[in-house]
PDB file of all heavy atoms in Angstrom:
ATOM      1  N   LEU A   1      42.700 101.381 151.476  1.00  0.00           N
ATOM      2  CA  LEU A   1      42.459 100.103 152.150  1.00  0.00           C
ATOM      3  C   LEU A   1      43.754  99.555 152.745  1.00  0.00           C
ATOM      4  O   LEU A   1      43.753  98.987 153.847  1.00  0.00           O
ATOM      5  CB  LEU A   1      41.862  99.100 151.163  1.00  0.00           C
ATOM      6  CG  LEU A   1      40.483  99.465 150.597  1.00  0.00           C
ATOM      7  CD1 LEU A   1      40.000  98.398 149.609  1.00  0.00           C
ATOM      8  CD2 LEU A   1      39.471  99.634 151.720  1.00  0.00           C
ATOM      9  N   LEU A   2      44.861  99.734 152.014  1.00  0.00           N
ATOM     10  CA  LEU A   2      46.154  99.322 152.562  1.00  0.00           C
ATOM     11  C   LEU A   2      46.511 100.169 153.783  1.00  0.00           C
ATOM     12  O   LEU A   2      47.094  99.666 154.746  1.00  0.00           O
ATOM     13  CB  LEU A   2      47.241  99.438 151.490  1.00  0.00           C
ATOM     14  CG  LEU A   2      47.156  98.428 150.340  1.00  0.00           C
ATOM     15  CD1 LEU A   2      48.196  98.750 149.271  1.00  0.00           C
ATOM     16  CD2 LEU A   2      47.354  97.004 150.859  1.00  0.00           C
ATOM     17  N   SER A   3      46.144 101.457 153.751  1.00  0.00           N
ATOM     18  CA  SER A   3      46.384 102.320 154.916  1.00  0.00           C
ATOM     19  C   SER A   3      45.620 101.821 156.132  1.00  0.00           C
ATOM     20  O   SER A   3      46.152 101.805 157.255  1.00  0.00           O
ATOM     21  CB  SER A   3      45.968 103.758 154.601  1.00  0.00           C
ATOM     22  OG  SER A   3      46.779 104.331 153.607  1.00  0.00           O
ATOM     23  N   VAL A   4      44.376 101.417 155.933  1.00  0.00           N
ATOM     24  CA  VAL A   4      43.572 100.884 157.032  1.00  0.00           C
ATOM     25  C   VAL A   4      44.211  99.603 157.567  1.00  0.00           C
ATOM     26  O   VAL A   4      44.292  99.388 158.784  1.00  0.00           O
ATOM     27  CB  VAL A   4      42.127 100.618 156.573  1.00  0.00           C
ATOM     28  CG1 VAL A   4      41.358  99.850 157.643  1.00  0.00           C
ATOM     29  CG2 VAL A   4      41.414 101.928 156.263  1.00  0.00           C
ATOM     30  N   LEU A   5      44.679  98.739 156.667  1.00  0.00           N
ATOM     31  CA  LEU A   5      45.317  97.487 157.087  1.00  0.00           C
ATOM     32  C   LEU A   5      46.560  97.769 157.929  1.00  0.00           C
ATOM     33  O   LEU A   5      46.757  97.155 158.993  1.00  0.00           O
ATOM     34  CB  LEU A   5      45.688  96.663 155.852  1.00  0.00           C
ATOM     35  CG  LEU A   5      46.333  95.299 156.111  1.00  0.00           C
ATOM     36  CD1 LEU A   5      45.383  94.391 156.874  1.00  0.00           C
ATOM     37  CD2 LEU A   5      46.753  94.647 154.797  1.00  0.00           C
ATOM     38  N   ILE A   6      47.389  98.700 157.472  1.00  0.00           N
ATOM     39  CA  ILE A   6      48.576  99.062 158.247  1.00  0.00           C
ATOM     40  C   ILE A   6      48.160  99.670 159.591  1.00  0.00           C
ATOM     41  O   ILE A   6      48.753  99.373 160.639  1.00  0.00           O
ATOM     42  CB  ILE A   6      49.461 100.053 157.465  1.00  0.00           C
ATOM     43  CG1 ILE A   6      50.015  99.394 156.196  1.00  0.00           C
ATOM     44  CG2 ILE A   6      50.617 100.554 158.335  1.00  0.00           C
ATOM     45  CD1 ILE A   6      50.741 100.362 155.269  1.00  0.00           C
ATOM     46  N   GLY A   7      47.129 100.513 159.585  1.00  0.00           N
ATOM     47  CA  GLY A   7      46.653 101.130 160.821  1.00  0.00           C
ATOM     48  C   GLY A   7      46.169 100.112 161.829  1.00  0.00           C
ATOM     49  O   GLY A   7      46.398 100.256 163.045  1.00  0.00           O
ATOM     50  N   LEU A   8      45.509  99.067 161.346  1.00  0.00           N
ATOM     51  CA  LEU A   8      45.071  97.995 162.245  1.00  0.00           C
ATOM     52  C   LEU A   8      46.272  97.321 162.907  1.00  0.00           C
ATOM     53  O   LEU A   8      46.235  96.993 164.096  1.00  0.00           O
ATOM     54  CB  LEU A   8      44.249  96.965 161.466  1.00  0.00           C
ATOM     55  CG  LEU A   8      42.861  97.419 160.995  1.00  0.00           C
ATOM     56  CD1 LEU A   8      42.242  96.375 160.065  1.00  0.00           C
ATOM     57  CD2 LEU A   8      41.944  97.670 162.184  1.00  0.00           C
ATOM     58  N   SER A   9      47.335  97.129 162.129  1.00  0.00           N
ATOM     59  CA  SER A   9      48.531  96.518 162.712  1.00  0.00           C
ATOM     60  C   SER A   9      49.270  97.479 163.633  1.00  0.00           C
ATOM     61  O   SER A   9      49.835  97.060 164.644  1.00  0.00           O
ATOM     62  CB  SER A   9      49.463  96.028 161.599  1.00  0.00           C
ATOM     63  OG  SER A   9      49.005  94.803 161.065  1.00  0.00           O
ATOM     64  N   PHE A  10      49.277  98.791 163.297  1.00  0.00           N
ATOM     65  CA  PHE A  10      49.826  99.773 164.235  1.00  0.00           C
ATOM     66  C   PHE A  10      49.113  99.674 165.582  1.00  0.00           C
ATOM     67  O   PHE A  10      49.747  99.678 166.641  1.00  0.00           O
ATOM     68  CB  PHE A  10      49.654 101.189 163.674  1.00  0.00           C
ATOM     69  CG  PHE A  10      50.700 101.616 162.678  1.00  0.00           C
ATOM     70  CD1 PHE A  10      51.695 100.758 162.256  1.00  0.00           C
ATOM     71  CD2 PHE A  10      50.674 102.902 162.150  1.00  0.00           C
ATOM     72  CE1 PHE A  10      52.662 101.160 161.331  1.00  0.00           C
ATOM     73  CE2 PHE A  10      51.628 103.322 161.237  1.00  0.00           C
ATOM     74  CZ  PHE A  10      52.614 102.455 160.817  1.00  0.00           C
ATOM     75  N   ALA A  11      47.777  99.627 165.540  1.00  0.00           N
ATOM     76  CA  ALA A  11      47.006  99.528 166.782  1.00  0.00           C
ATOM     77  C   ALA A  11      47.283  98.202 167.486  1.00  0.00           C
ATOM     78  O   ALA A  11      47.424  98.154 168.710  1.00  0.00           O
ATOM     79  CB  ALA A  11      45.515  99.659 166.481  1.00  0.00           C
ATOM     80  N   GLY A  12      47.366  97.116 166.699  1.00  0.00           N
ATOM     81  CA  GLY A  12      47.658  95.809 167.279  1.00  0.00           C
ATOM     82  C   GLY A  12      48.989  95.798 168.006  1.00  0.00           C
ATOM     83  O   GLY A  12      49.115  95.221 169.097  1.00  0.00           O
ATOM     84  N   LEU A  13      50.006  96.433 167.422  1.00  0.00           N
ATOM     85  CA  LEU A  13      51.306  96.535 168.087  1.00  0.00           C
ATOM     86  C   LEU A  13      51.200  97.331 169.382  1.00  0.00           C
ATOM     87  O   LEU A  13      51.864  97.012 170.380  1.00  0.00           O
ATOM     88  CB  LEU A  13      52.322  97.202 167.158  1.00  0.00           C
ATOM     89  CG  LEU A  13      52.851  96.356 165.998  1.00  0.00           C
ATOM     90  CD1 LEU A  13      53.747  97.201 165.098  1.00  0.00           C
ATOM     91  CD2 LEU A  13      53.616  95.132 166.500  1.00  0.00           C
ATOM     92  N   THR A  14      50.363  98.363 169.387  1.00  0.00           N
ATOM     93  CA  THR A  14      50.191  99.185 170.589  1.00  0.00           C
ATOM     94  C   THR A  14      49.554  98.390 171.719  1.00  0.00           C
ATOM     95  O   THR A  14      49.975  98.491 172.883  1.00  0.00           O
ATOM     96  CB  THR A  14      49.345 100.423 170.258  1.00  0.00           C
ATOM     97  OG1 THR A  14      49.949 101.137 169.176  1.00  0.00           O
ATOM     98  CG2 THR A  14      49.221 101.346 171.462  1.00  0.00           C
ATOM     99  N   PHE A  15      48.562  97.569 171.403  1.00  0.00           N
ATOM    100  CA  PHE A  15      47.952  96.730 172.433  1.00  0.00           C
ATOM    101  C   PHE A  15      48.953  95.693 172.948  1.00  0.00           C
ATOM    102  O   PHE A  15      48.967  95.368 174.140  1.00  0.00           O
ATOM    103  CB  PHE A  15      46.704  96.044 171.882  1.00  0.00           C
ATOM    104  CG  PHE A  15      45.568  96.995 171.606  1.00  0.00           C
ATOM    105  CD1 PHE A  15      45.001  97.080 170.341  1.00  0.00           C
ATOM    106  CD2 PHE A  15      45.065  97.807 172.603  1.00  0.00           C
ATOM    107  CE1 PHE A  15      43.955  97.960 170.086  1.00  0.00           C
ATOM    108  CE2 PHE A  15      44.027  98.697 172.359  1.00  0.00           C
ATOM    109  CZ  PHE A  15      43.469  98.778 171.083  1.00  0.00           C
ATOM    110  N   LEU A  16      49.795  95.192 172.049  1.00  0.00           N
ATOM    111  CA  LEU A  16      50.835  94.247 172.472  1.00  0.00           C
ATOM    112  C   LEU A  16      51.862  94.960 173.352  1.00  0.00           C
ATOM    113  O   LEU A  16      52.337  94.387 174.348  1.00  0.00           O
ATOM    114  CB  LEU A  16      51.515  93.632 171.248  1.00  0.00           C
ATOM    115  CG  LEU A  16      52.648  92.635 171.533  1.00  0.00           C
ATOM    116  CD1 LEU A  16      52.158  91.469 172.392  1.00  0.00           C
ATOM    117  CD2 LEU A  16      53.240  92.125 170.218  1.00  0.00           C
ATOM    118  N   ALA A  17      52.218  96.201 173.005  1.00  0.00           N
ATOM    119  CA  ALA A  17      53.152  96.980 173.827  1.00  0.00           C
ATOM    120  C   ALA A  17      52.604  97.152 175.242  1.00  0.00           C
ATOM    121  O   ALA A  17      53.328  96.968 176.231  1.00  0.00           O
ATOM    122  CB  ALA A  17      53.386  98.351 173.184  1.00  0.00           C
ATOM    123  N   HIS A  18      51.331  97.484 175.333  1.00  0.00           N
ATOM    124  CA  HIS A  18      50.694  97.694 176.634  1.00  0.00           C
ATOM    125  C   HIS A  18      50.785  96.448 177.497  1.00  0.00           C
ATOM    126  O   HIS A  18      51.188  96.498 178.666  1.00  0.00           O
ATOM    127  CB  HIS A  18      49.230  98.084 176.418  1.00  0.00           C
ATOM    128  CG  HIS A  18      48.419  98.114 177.676  1.00  0.00           C
ATOM    129  ND1 HIS A  18      47.568  97.082 178.043  1.00  0.00           N
ATOM    130  CD2 HIS A  18      48.324  99.038 178.670  1.00  0.00           C
ATOM    131  CE1 HIS A  18      46.997  97.380 179.198  1.00  0.00           C
ATOM    132  NE2 HIS A  18      47.427  98.548 179.595  1.00  0.00           N
ATOM    133  N   GLU A  19      50.443  95.303 176.928  1.00  0.00           N
ATOM    134  CA  GLU A  19      50.456  94.074 177.715  1.00  0.00           C
ATOM    135  C   GLU A  19      51.879  93.630 178.037  1.00  0.00           C
ATOM    136  O   GLU A  19      52.161  93.160 179.143  1.00  0.00           O
ATOM    137  CB  GLU A  19      49.696  92.968 176.963  1.00  0.00           C
ATOM    138  CG  GLU A  19      49.443  91.758 177.826  1.00  0.00           C
ATOM    139  CD  GLU A  19      48.221  90.962 177.400  1.00  0.00           C
ATOM    140  OE1 GLU A  19      47.124  91.553 177.287  1.00  0.00           O
ATOM    141  OE2 GLU A  19      48.365  89.754 177.187  1.00  0.00           O
ATOM    142  N   THR A  20      52.796  93.810 177.089  1.00  0.00           N
ATOM    143  CA  THR A  20      54.175  93.397 177.309  1.00  0.00           C
ATOM    144  C   THR A  20      54.840  94.219 178.404  1.00  0.00           C
ATOM    145  O   THR A  20      55.516  93.671 179.282  1.00  0.00           O
ATOM    146  CB  THR A  20      54.986  93.517 176.003  1.00  0.00           C
ATOM    147  OG1 THR A  20      54.407  92.679 175.003  1.00  0.00           O
ATOM    148  CG2 THR A  20      56.431  93.096 176.235  1.00  0.00           C
ATOM    149  N   LEU A  21      54.663  95.536 178.368  1.00  0.00           N
ATOM    150  CA  LEU A  21      55.344  96.399 179.334  1.00  0.00           C
ATOM    151  C   LEU A  21      54.748  96.299 180.729  1.00  0.00           C
ATOM    152  O   LEU A  21      55.337  96.793 181.692  1.00  0.00           O
ATOM    153  CB  LEU A  21      55.332  97.842 178.834  1.00  0.00           C
ATOM    154  CG  LEU A  21      56.267  98.083 177.638  1.00  0.00           C
ATOM    155  CD1 LEU A  21      56.062  99.474 177.061  1.00  0.00           C
ATOM    156  CD2 LEU A  21      57.723  97.882 178.031  1.00  0.00           C
ATOM    157  N   HIS A  22      53.605  95.641 180.849  1.00  0.00           N
ATOM    158  CA  HIS A  22      53.077  95.311 182.176  1.00  0.00           C
ATOM    159  C   HIS A  22      53.668  94.003 182.699  1.00  0.00           C
ATOM    160  O   HIS A  22      53.360  93.591 183.823  1.00  0.00           O
ATOM    161  CB  HIS A  22      51.553  95.186 182.131  1.00  0.00           C
ATOM    162  CG  HIS A  22      50.830  96.458 182.443  1.00  0.00           C
ATOM    163  ND1 HIS A  22      50.894  97.086 183.671  1.00  0.00           N
ATOM    164  CD2 HIS A  22      50.012  97.236 181.682  1.00  0.00           C
ATOM    165  CE1 HIS A  22      50.154  98.184 183.658  1.00  0.00           C
ATOM    166  NE2 HIS A  22      49.609  98.305 182.467  1.00  0.00           N
ATOM    167  N   GLY A  23      54.482  93.335 181.897  1.00  0.00           N
ATOM    168  CA  GLY A  23      55.065  92.071 182.311  1.00  0.00           C
ATOM    169  C   GLY A  23      54.146  90.888 182.118  1.00  0.00           C
ATOM    170  O   GLY A  23      54.380  89.825 182.691  1.00  0.00           O
ATOM    171  N   CYS A  24      53.105  91.046 181.301  1.00  0.00           N
ATOM    172  CA  CYS A  24      52.124  89.977 181.102  1.00  0.00           C
ATOM    173  C   CYS A  24      52.565  88.958 180.063  1.00  0.00           C
ATOM    174  O   CYS A  24      51.998  87.862 179.986  1.00  0.00           O
ATOM    175  CB  CYS A  24      50.780  90.553 180.646  1.00  0.00           C
ATOM    176  SG  CYS A  24      50.124  91.867 181.687  1.00  0.00           S
ATOM    177  N   VAL A  25      53.564  89.326 179.245  1.00  0.00           N
ATOM    178  CA  VAL A  25      53.971  88.461 178.135  1.00  0.00           C
ATOM    179  C   VAL A  25      55.327  87.819 178.410  1.00  0.00           C
ATOM    180  O   VAL A  25      55.509  86.612 178.230  1.00  0.00           O
ATOM    181  CB  VAL A  25      54.011  89.261 176.821  1.00  0.00           C
ATOM    182  CG1 VAL A  25      54.463  88.390 175.650  1.00  0.00           C
ATOM    183  CG2 VAL A  25      52.627  89.861 176.525  1.00  0.00           C
ATOM    184  N   VAL A  26      56.289  88.626 178.811  1.00  0.00           N
ATOM    185  CA  VAL A  26      57.612  88.124 179.204  1.00  0.00           C
ATOM    186  C   VAL A  26      58.004  88.810 180.502  1.00  0.00           C
ATOM    187  O   VAL A  26      57.633  89.959 180.751  1.00  0.00           O
ATOM    188  CB  VAL A  26      58.678  88.387 178.115  1.00  0.00           C
ATOM    189  CG1 VAL A  26      58.434  87.519 176.899  1.00  0.00           C
ATOM    190  CG2 VAL A  26      58.716  89.859 177.728  1.00  0.00           C
TER     191      VAL A  26
END
């Protein structure tokens, strides 16, 4: 269950990376 929780945050960081590197965040 902790692995799933970490995996959700790994994926969350990836979605943030995608939006950030498009210049949508900063």
